[in-house]
Amino acid sequence: VNSTNYAWEGPLAVDVHDNLFTVFKPEALSSLAAEHSVGKSLECGEQLVHREELTGHRGSGKDRHAVLSGEGLPDETNMVIHRRTHTGEKPYGCDQCVKRFSTGSLLKAHMRIHSGEKPYRCNQCVKCFSHSSTLKAHMRIHSGEKPYSCDQCVKRFYKSSHLKSHMTTHTGEKPYSCDQCVKRFSQISDLKIHMRTHSGKKPYRCNQCVKCFSHSSTLKEHMRTHSGEKPYRCNQCVKCFSQSSTLKKHMRTHSGEKPYRCNQCVKCFSHSSTLKEHMRTHSGEKPYRCNQCVKCFSQSSTLKKHMRTHSMEKASFSDANKEPMGCFD
């Protein structure tokens, strides 16, 4: 430090006025005299080393440095940046959108969202990223490293954000509420997806047909109808399925599980759709109408069977109107 305001005594930087100390290594605290003490800022938890009183951290009196840095004495620029964590000041504004930032480096990183620049390349695959931190997190996919562990169960995660989202499964917290209905969600991504049910937005388009979907996962499953892929195999028989949900339903044929119970009688069903159809026997609802006559049915399968009676009638009528073939010697 090129300053005449500091004298050096071992690991401590002590100003000549004997007011405040900055400790370069935490273990150096043991070398402080008895009249010096260590405290924590009530605002941010950073350790301050001082004589008699905790002053100077927020710039009271003289703008004196007092942060226990761990590596080096903070200069005035770092102190200015640090104070913004308390004041909320964000002097750097994006000229492409309304976002603002506390440092120029954060603004620079943000601008890559608009430019599409991705200078950080993975050396294990073809992916590139706009932030070095995102690349670092991505590399854990290749290494298998999962440094973030849940303290409520055995699950581990390679991103801290994934752990944070997971914790809501234990707390039951659902901080994200839909402003169109009463539903709430534990993750903002789930709320965003849910909002498409209100807007009708279907941004995921199949490149093999005209269908569009509101979820990327639904499009992925749909693509298997074109490819014929059935990656979900039953371990009890030879059947395979294109969707995990269909496999889950199929497994109930082996287990005998019937989780869907009618609240009007004692019957139970293995599929929610079967329960829905059954409920019409209680309500009398018959939503499936025949387009050949006035009859209505509670189940689509019953309508399908009924339609055969019209096909048979047409076949019989056609046969009855055929001219008989003559017989000749």
Foldseek 3Di string as FASTA:
>chain_A
DPDPQWDDDPQWTAGPVRFFIAGQAPVCVVVDDPQKDWDADPVPGFIFIGGPDPDQLQCPPHNDFTGRDNHDGDDPVVSQLVCCVVVVDFPAADPVDGDTHSDPVVNVLVCCVVVVDFPAADPVDGDTHSDPVVNVLVVCVVVVDFPAADPVDGDTHSDPVVNQLVVCVVVVDFPAADPVDGDTHSDVVVNVLVCCVVVVDFPAADPVDGDTHSDPVVNQLVVCVVVVDFPAADPVDGDTHSDPVVNVLVVCVVVVDFPAADPVDGDTHSDPVVNVLVVCVVVVDFPAADPVDGDTHSDPVVNVVVVVVVVVVVVVVVVVPDDDDDDDD
